[in-house]
Protein backbone atom coordinates (compact mmCIF):
# COMPACT_ATOMS: atom_id res chain seq x y z
CA MET A 1 0.00 0.00 0.00
CA SER A 2 2.45 2.63 -1.22
CA ALA A 3 -0.06 5.19 -2.49
CA PRO A 4 -1.05 7.91 -0.03
CA PRO A 5 -4.63 7.73 1.23
CA PRO A 6 -7.10 9.89 -0.69
CA ALA A 7 -8.31 13.15 0.79
CA GLY A 8 -11.50 15.14 0.31
CA SER A 9 -12.90 14.82 -3.18
CA ALA A 10 -10.74 11.76 -3.95
CA LEU A 11 -12.39 9.94 -1.04
CA VAL A 12 -15.85 10.94 -2.28
CA ARG A 13 -14.92 9.74 -5.78
CA ASP A 14 -13.63 6.40 -4.44
CA VAL A 15 -16.71 5.81 -2.27
CA ALA A 16 -19.00 6.65 -5.20
CA ALA A 17 -17.04 4.37 -7.54
CA TYR A 18 -17.10 1.49 -5.05
CA SER A 19 -20.84 1.92 -4.44
CA LEU A 20 -21.62 2.08 -8.16
CA ALA A 21 -19.42 -0.93 -8.84
CA ARG A 22 -21.22 -2.95 -6.18
CA LEU A 23 -24.63 -1.89 -7.52
CA GLY A 24 -23.48 -2.77 -11.02
CA LEU A 25 -22.39 -6.20 -9.83
CA VAL A 26 -25.80 -6.78 -8.24
CA GLY A 27 -27.48 -5.63 -11.46
CA LEU A 28 -25.32 -7.88 -13.62
CA LEU A 29 -25.92 -10.91 -11.40
CA THR A 30 -29.67 -10.18 -11.35
CA LEU A 31 -29.73 -9.94 -15.14
CA LEU A 32 -27.83 -13.22 -15.54
CA LEU A 33 -30.17 -15.00 -13.14
CA VAL A 34 -33.28 -13.60 -14.84
CA LEU A 35 -31.94 -14.72 -18.22
CA ALA A 36 -31.42 -18.17 -16.68
CA GLY A 37 -35.13 -18.30 -15.84
CA VAL A 38 -35.11 -17.28 -12.18
CA PRO A 39 -37.99 -14.97 -11.14
CA LEU A 40 -36.94 -11.31 -10.82
CA LEU A 41 -37.46 -10.92 -7.06
CA VAL A 42 -35.66 -14.16 -6.26
CA ALA A 43 -32.87 -13.23 -8.68
CA ALA A 44 -32.44 -9.81 -7.07
CA LEU A 45 -32.30 -11.25 -3.56
CA LEU A 46 -29.89 -13.98 -4.59
CA ALA A 47 -27.74 -11.43 -6.43
CA LEU A 48 -27.54 -9.31 -3.26
CA VAL A 49 -26.34 -12.29 -1.25
CA VAL A 50 -23.80 -13.41 -3.86
CA ALA A 51 -22.53 -9.90 -4.66
CA LEU A 52 -21.22 -9.22 -1.15
CA PRO A 53 -18.44 -11.84 -1.07
CA LEU A 54 -17.77 -11.34 -4.78
CA SER A 55 -17.27 -7.60 -4.32
CA LEU A 56 -14.86 -8.24 -1.46
CA VAL A 57 -12.70 -10.31 -3.79
CA LEU A 58 -13.18 -8.55 -7.14
CA MET A 59 -12.96 -4.97 -5.86
CA ARG A 60 -10.24 -5.40 -3.24
CA SER A 61 -8.03 -2.50 -4.37
CA LEU A 62 -10.92 -0.03 -4.50
CA ARG A 63 -12.18 -1.20 -1.10
CA LEU A 64 -8.71 -0.74 0.39
CA ARG A 65 -8.47 2.78 -1.07
CA VAL A 66 -11.82 3.67 0.51
CA ALA A 67 -10.75 2.21 3.85
CA ALA A 68 -7.44 4.12 3.78
CA GLY A 69 -9.26 7.34 2.92
CA LEU A 70 -11.73 6.87 5.75
CA HIS A 71 -8.88 6.14 8.16
CA ALA A 72 -7.04 9.30 7.08
CA ALA A 73 -10.20 11.41 7.42
CA ARG A 74 -10.80 10.03 10.90
CA ALA A 75 -7.21 10.85 11.89
CA ARG A 76 -7.58 14.42 10.56
CA ARG A 77 -10.82 14.87 12.52
CA ARG A 78 -9.16 13.51 15.68
CA VAL A 79 -6.28 16.01 15.36
CA GLU A 80 -8.67 18.88 14.66
CA ARG A 81 -10.88 17.93 17.62
CA ALA A 82 -7.85 17.82 19.94
CA ARG A 83 -6.72 21.23 18.67
CA LEU A 84 -10.15 22.73 19.28
CA ARG A 85 -10.29 21.25 22.78
CA ASP A 86 -6.90 22.77 23.55
CA GLN A 87 -8.12 26.16 22.32
CA LEU A 88 -11.25 25.94 24.46
CA ARG A 89 -9.11 25.17 27.51
CA GLY A 90 -6.90 28.14 26.72
CA GLU A 91 -3.86 25.98 26.06
CA PRO A 92 -1.52 26.85 23.18
CA SER A 93 -2.10 24.68 20.13
CA SER A 94 0.73 22.47 18.95
CA GLY A 95 0.15 22.85 15.24
């Protein structure tokens, strides 16, 4: 994992891409099952169940980018929260 974690709009882009890819996978699986003669509702439910483990395997790099971006955002919020607490206490900020 040598690439730096995404920030801001890159994180939003990665989350949107991952979500759309997962929805696309569910749609593709549903279509394949319907073409195989499975009723639509059953196909959609089965596709949802099958798409979860498949997306974990097929979209690993995108999922890791999203996780790294969320981790970085959480760390930035933690630092900012600590800085604001220090300011409210009247202590000098260290940044």
